[in-house]
N, C-alpha and C. Protein backbone atom coordinates (compact mmCIF):
# COMPACT_ATOMS: atom_id res chain seq x y z
N MET A 1 114.55 159.90 48.16
CA MET A 1 115.51 160.41 46.85
C MET A 1 116.49 161.77 48.15
N LYS A 2 117.68 161.32 47.96
CA LYS A 2 118.35 162.13 48.45
C LYS A 2 118.20 163.36 47.56
N ASP A 3 118.80 164.91 48.60
CA ASP A 3 118.85 166.18 47.90
C ASP A 3 119.48 166.32 46.78
N THR A 4 120.79 164.92 46.22
CA THR A 4 121.70 165.33 45.43
C THR A 4 121.13 164.02 43.72
N ALA A 5 119.94 163.96 44.12
CA ALA A 5 120.01 162.90 43.50
C ALA A 5 119.26 163.11 41.77
N PHE A 6 119.72 162.40 40.40
CA PHE A 6 118.54 163.09 39.65
C PHE A 6 117.46 161.96 39.08
N LEU A 7 116.10 162.48 39.15
CA LEU A 7 115.72 161.40 38.57
C LEU A 7 115.68 161.32 36.94
N ILE A 8 115.89 160.03 36.45
CA ILE A 8 116.25 159.64 35.12
C ILE A 8 114.98 158.96 34.45
N ASN A 9 114.19 159.78 33.67
CA ASN A 9 113.06 158.58 33.10
C ASN A 9 112.70 158.89 31.53
N VAL A 10 112.71 157.41 31.20
CA VAL A 10 113.06 157.29 29.93
C VAL A 10 111.84 156.16 29.61
N ALA A 11 111.31 155.74 30.28
CA ALA A 11 110.08 154.69 30.16
C ALA A 11 109.19 155.11 30.13
N SER A 12 108.33 155.71 30.39
CA SER A 12 107.22 156.21 30.37
C SER A 12 106.28 157.55 31.03
N GLY A 13 105.81 158.31 30.25
CA GLY A 13 105.40 159.79 31.31
C GLY A 13 104.59 159.36 32.28
N SER A 14 104.41 158.84 32.19
CA SER A 14 103.00 158.44 33.66
C SER A 14 103.50 157.75 34.63
N LEU A 15 104.61 157.09 34.33
CA LEU A 15 105.07 157.18 35.64
C LEU A 15 105.75 157.91 36.54
N VAL A 16 106.09 159.48 36.42
CA VAL A 16 106.34 160.30 37.28
C VAL A 16 104.88 161.59 37.89
N ASP A 17 105.04 162.22 38.32
CA ASP A 17 103.94 163.02 38.64
C ASP A 17 104.67 164.55 38.07
N SER A 18 103.92 165.06 37.67
CA SER A 18 105.21 166.09 37.50
C SER A 18 104.82 167.22 38.15
N ASP A 19 103.37 167.53 38.73
CA ASP A 19 103.58 167.88 39.92
C ASP A 19 104.39 167.66 40.98
N ALA A 20 104.50 166.76 41.49
CA ALA A 20 105.65 166.50 42.56
C ALA A 20 106.81 166.07 42.33
N LEU A 21 107.09 166.29 40.75
CA LEU A 21 108.17 166.66 40.66
C LEU A 21 108.90 167.72 40.54
N ILE A 22 108.00 169.05 39.98
CA ILE A 22 107.97 170.41 39.90
C ILE A 22 108.65 171.03 41.46
N LEU A 23 107.52 170.45 42.65
CA LEU A 23 107.58 170.58 43.83
C LEU A 23 108.82 170.55 44.25
N ALA A 24 109.52 168.90 44.19
CA ALA A 24 110.30 168.22 44.62
C ALA A 24 112.18 169.25 44.07
N LEU A 25 111.70 169.65 42.90
CA LEU A 25 112.88 170.08 42.20
C LEU A 25 113.03 171.97 42.60
N LYS A 26 111.82 172.40 42.78
CA LYS A 26 111.77 174.01 43.39
C LYS A 26 111.90 174.40 45.00
N ASN A 27 111.95 172.53 45.45
CA ASN A 27 112.30 173.03 46.89
C ASN A 27 113.74 172.00 47.09
N ASP A 28 114.60 171.92 46.36
CA ASP A 28 116.08 171.14 46.01
C ASP A 28 116.21 170.11 46.87
N GLU A 29 114.52 168.83 46.26
CA GLU A 29 114.59 167.79 47.79
C GLU A 29 114.95 166.72 46.93
N ILE A 30 115.42 167.19 44.94
CA ILE A 30 115.94 166.52 44.25
C ILE A 30 117.19 167.57 43.67
N ALA A 31 117.91 167.14 42.87
CA ALA A 31 119.19 168.07 42.44
C ALA A 31 118.41 168.33 40.92
N GLY A 32 118.24 167.18 40.01
CA GLY A 32 117.43 167.15 38.65
C GLY A 32 117.06 166.62 38.13
N ALA A 33 116.38 166.77 37.29
CA ALA A 33 115.85 165.19 36.11
C ALA A 33 116.25 165.62 34.43
N ALA A 34 116.66 164.34 34.18
CA ALA A 34 116.15 164.55 32.74
C ALA A 34 115.16 163.41 32.28
N LEU A 35 114.77 164.24 31.30
CA LEU A 35 113.31 163.43 30.92
C LEU A 35 112.91 162.68 29.55
N ASP A 36 112.88 161.69 28.55
CA ASP A 36 112.89 161.79 27.53
C ASP A 36 111.20 161.50 27.26
N VAL A 37 110.37 161.18 28.39
CA VAL A 37 109.01 161.05 27.84
C VAL A 37 108.53 162.19 29.19
N PHE A 38 107.12 162.51 28.70
CA PHE A 38 106.53 163.07 29.19
C PHE A 38 105.03 162.79 29.87
N GLU A 39 104.42 163.28 30.53
CA GLU A 39 102.88 163.02 30.78
C GLU A 39 101.93 163.20 29.85
N ASN A 40 102.46 164.18 29.51
CA ASN A 40 101.56 164.50 27.99
C ASN A 40 102.06 164.88 27.18
N GLU A 41 102.25 163.72 26.26
CA GLU A 41 103.40 164.05 25.01
C GLU A 41 102.35 164.71 23.86
N PRO A 42 102.79 165.22 22.73
CA PRO A 42 104.06 165.53 22.85
C PRO A 42 104.32 167.50 23.76
N HIS A 43 103.59 167.43 24.82
CA HIS A 43 103.95 168.65 25.64
C HIS A 43 104.07 168.61 26.91
N PRO A 44 105.49 168.81 27.01
CA PRO A 44 105.94 168.73 28.32
C PRO A 44 105.36 170.21 29.03
N ARG A 45 105.17 170.15 30.71
CA ARG A 45 104.67 171.14 31.71
C ARG A 45 105.96 172.12 30.85
N GLN A 46 105.32 173.34 30.83
CA GLN A 46 106.18 174.56 31.00
C GLN A 46 107.12 174.59 32.21
N GLU A 47 106.69 174.43 32.83
CA GLU A 47 107.75 174.96 34.34
C GLU A 47 108.71 174.13 33.74
N LEU A 48 108.88 172.75 33.77
CA LEU A 48 109.98 171.60 33.95
C LEU A 48 111.06 172.06 32.58
N VAL A 49 110.50 172.67 31.27
CA VAL A 49 111.17 173.37 30.77
C VAL A 49 112.09 174.32 30.55
N GLU A 50 111.38 175.15 31.41
CA GLU A 50 112.27 176.73 32.15
C GLU A 50 113.01 176.52 33.34
N MET A 51 112.99 175.02 33.74
CA MET A 51 114.34 174.95 34.66
C MET A 51 115.36 174.48 34.04
N ASP A 52 116.40 175.42 35.58
CA ASP A 52 118.47 175.03 34.43
C ASP A 52 118.49 173.56 34.93
N ASN A 53 117.97 172.95 36.26
CA ASN A 53 118.10 172.03 36.84
C ASN A 53 117.28 170.39 35.74
N VAL A 54 116.57 170.91 34.81
CA VAL A 54 116.47 169.68 33.78
C VAL A 54 116.37 169.74 32.60
N ILE A 55 117.02 168.39 32.15
CA ILE A 55 117.59 168.51 30.67
C ILE A 55 115.75 167.52 29.98
N MET A 56 115.27 167.77 29.05
CA MET A 56 114.62 167.35 28.42
C MET A 56 115.14 166.99 27.17
N THR A 57 114.47 165.83 26.60
CA THR A 57 114.78 165.47 24.92
C THR A 57 113.11 164.66 24.53
N PRO A 58 113.21 164.72 23.11
CA PRO A 58 111.85 164.80 22.32
C PRO A 58 111.56 163.22 22.19
N HIS A 59 111.38 161.92 23.23
CA HIS A 59 111.46 161.17 23.10
C HIS A 59 111.95 160.37 22.24
N VAL A 60 113.67 160.54 22.36
CA VAL A 60 114.52 159.87 21.50
C VAL A 60 115.36 159.08 22.07
N GLY A 61 115.13 158.34 23.19
CA GLY A 61 116.21 157.55 23.57
C GLY A 61 116.66 156.40 22.61
N SER A 62 116.00 155.53 21.89
CA SER A 62 115.83 154.87 21.12
C SER A 62 116.13 154.91 19.44
N ALA A 63 117.06 156.61 19.39
CA ALA A 63 116.92 156.86 18.15
C ALA A 63 118.82 156.81 17.90
N PRO A 64 119.65 156.77 18.63
CA PRO A 64 120.93 156.47 18.14
C PRO A 64 120.83 155.42 17.27
N HIS A 65 122.35 155.77 15.94
CA HIS A 65 122.24 154.75 15.46
C HIS A 65 122.44 153.48 15.39
N VAL A 66 122.66 153.55 16.37
CA VAL A 66 123.61 151.72 16.24
C VAL A 66 122.16 151.25 16.57
N ALA A 67 121.56 151.68 17.64
CA ALA A 67 119.89 151.53 17.70
C ALA A 67 118.99 151.23 16.63
N ARG A 68 118.58 152.05 15.78
CA ARG A 68 118.27 152.11 14.98
C ARG A 68 118.70 150.82 14.08
N TYR A 69 120.17 150.92 13.50
CA TYR A 69 120.87 150.09 13.13
C TYR A 69 119.76 148.69 13.25
N ASN A 70 119.86 148.48 14.85
CA ASN A 70 119.85 146.83 15.20
C ASN A 70 118.32 146.42 15.04
N LEU A 71 117.54 147.62 15.36
CA LEU A 71 116.14 147.49 14.87
C LEU A 71 116.10 147.32 13.84
N PHE A 72 116.26 147.31 12.50
CA PHE A 72 116.38 147.98 11.40
C PHE A 72 117.02 146.29 10.67
N LYS A 73 118.17 145.91 11.92
CA LYS A 73 118.17 144.58 11.29
C LYS A 73 117.53 143.54 11.73
N GLU A 74 117.29 143.36 13.00
CA GLU A 74 116.25 142.72 13.46
C GLU A 74 114.68 142.43 12.68
N ALA A 75 114.10 143.70 11.91
CA ALA A 75 112.85 142.97 11.61
C ALA A 75 113.26 142.60 10.36
N ALA A 76 114.38 143.10 9.41
CA ALA A 76 114.82 142.82 7.98
C ALA A 76 115.28 141.25 8.55
N ASN A 77 115.56 140.41 9.55
CA ASN A 77 116.16 138.79 10.18
C ASN A 77 114.73 138.50 10.20
N ASN A 78 113.89 138.78 10.21
CA ASN A 78 112.26 138.30 10.79
C ASN A 78 111.23 138.30 9.51
N VAL A 79 111.66 139.23 8.68
CA VAL A 79 111.19 138.47 6.98
C VAL A 79 112.21 137.49 6.54
N LEU A 80 113.22 137.70 6.80
CA LEU A 80 113.51 136.84 5.90
C LEU A 80 113.67 135.27 6.29
N SER A 81 113.35 134.93 7.54
CA SER A 81 113.46 133.73 8.55
C SER A 81 111.89 133.61 7.91
N PHE A 82 110.71 134.61 8.15
CA PHE A 82 109.55 133.70 7.71
C PHE A 82 109.59 133.60 6.41
N PHE A 83 110.36 133.83 4.90
CA PHE A 83 110.07 133.32 4.33
C PHE A 83 110.80 132.32 3.43
N LYS A 84 111.84 132.34 4.56
CA LYS A 84 112.40 130.67 4.18
C LYS A 84 112.26 129.75 5.33
N ASP A 85 111.68 130.12 6.48
CA ASP A 85 110.86 128.81 7.07
C ASP A 85 109.76 129.19 7.71
N GLY A 86 108.84 130.02 7.38
CA GLY A 86 107.36 129.99 7.50
C GLY A 86 107.42 130.51 8.35
N LYS A 87 107.69 130.76 9.58
CA LYS A 87 108.17 131.76 10.73
C LYS A 87 109.46 132.83 10.87
N ALA A 88 108.86 133.55 11.50
CA ALA A 88 109.52 134.74 12.19
C ALA A 88 110.44 134.65 13.29
N ILE A 89 111.48 134.96 13.45
CA ILE A 89 112.45 134.70 14.83
C ILE A 89 111.70 135.31 15.99
N ASN A 90 110.84 136.28 16.31
CA ASN A 90 110.20 136.76 17.45
C ASN A 90 108.63 136.76 17.20
N GLN A 91 108.13 135.60 16.85
CA GLN A 91 107.04 135.49 16.37
C GLN A 91 106.80 134.83 17.17
N ILE A 92 104.84 135.81 17.97
CA ILE A 92 104.60 135.83 19.09
C ILE A 92 104.07 134.22 19.05
N ASN A 93 102.47 134.18 18.06
CA ASN A 93 101.37 133.39 18.27
C ASN A 93 101.48 132.67 16.16
């Protein structure tokens, strides 16, 4: 990565090696990081917490109002579909 790059992880904490990230940040190998997930949730590494070039959120990537609204709407539509047709819209098996 370029030294101007920011690492953004909202997928899974295990995708990022915290030791390597801390080293890259301390050595200015990357500009910063934004983390919504951590290796050892719910406890992020203290070194990352204390860094000025790291932004951390408590695994709330799906928490915006519109995302939650759509999630609940989809769940309700699945229930209604099941009672109407005997099959949920997103039924897997």
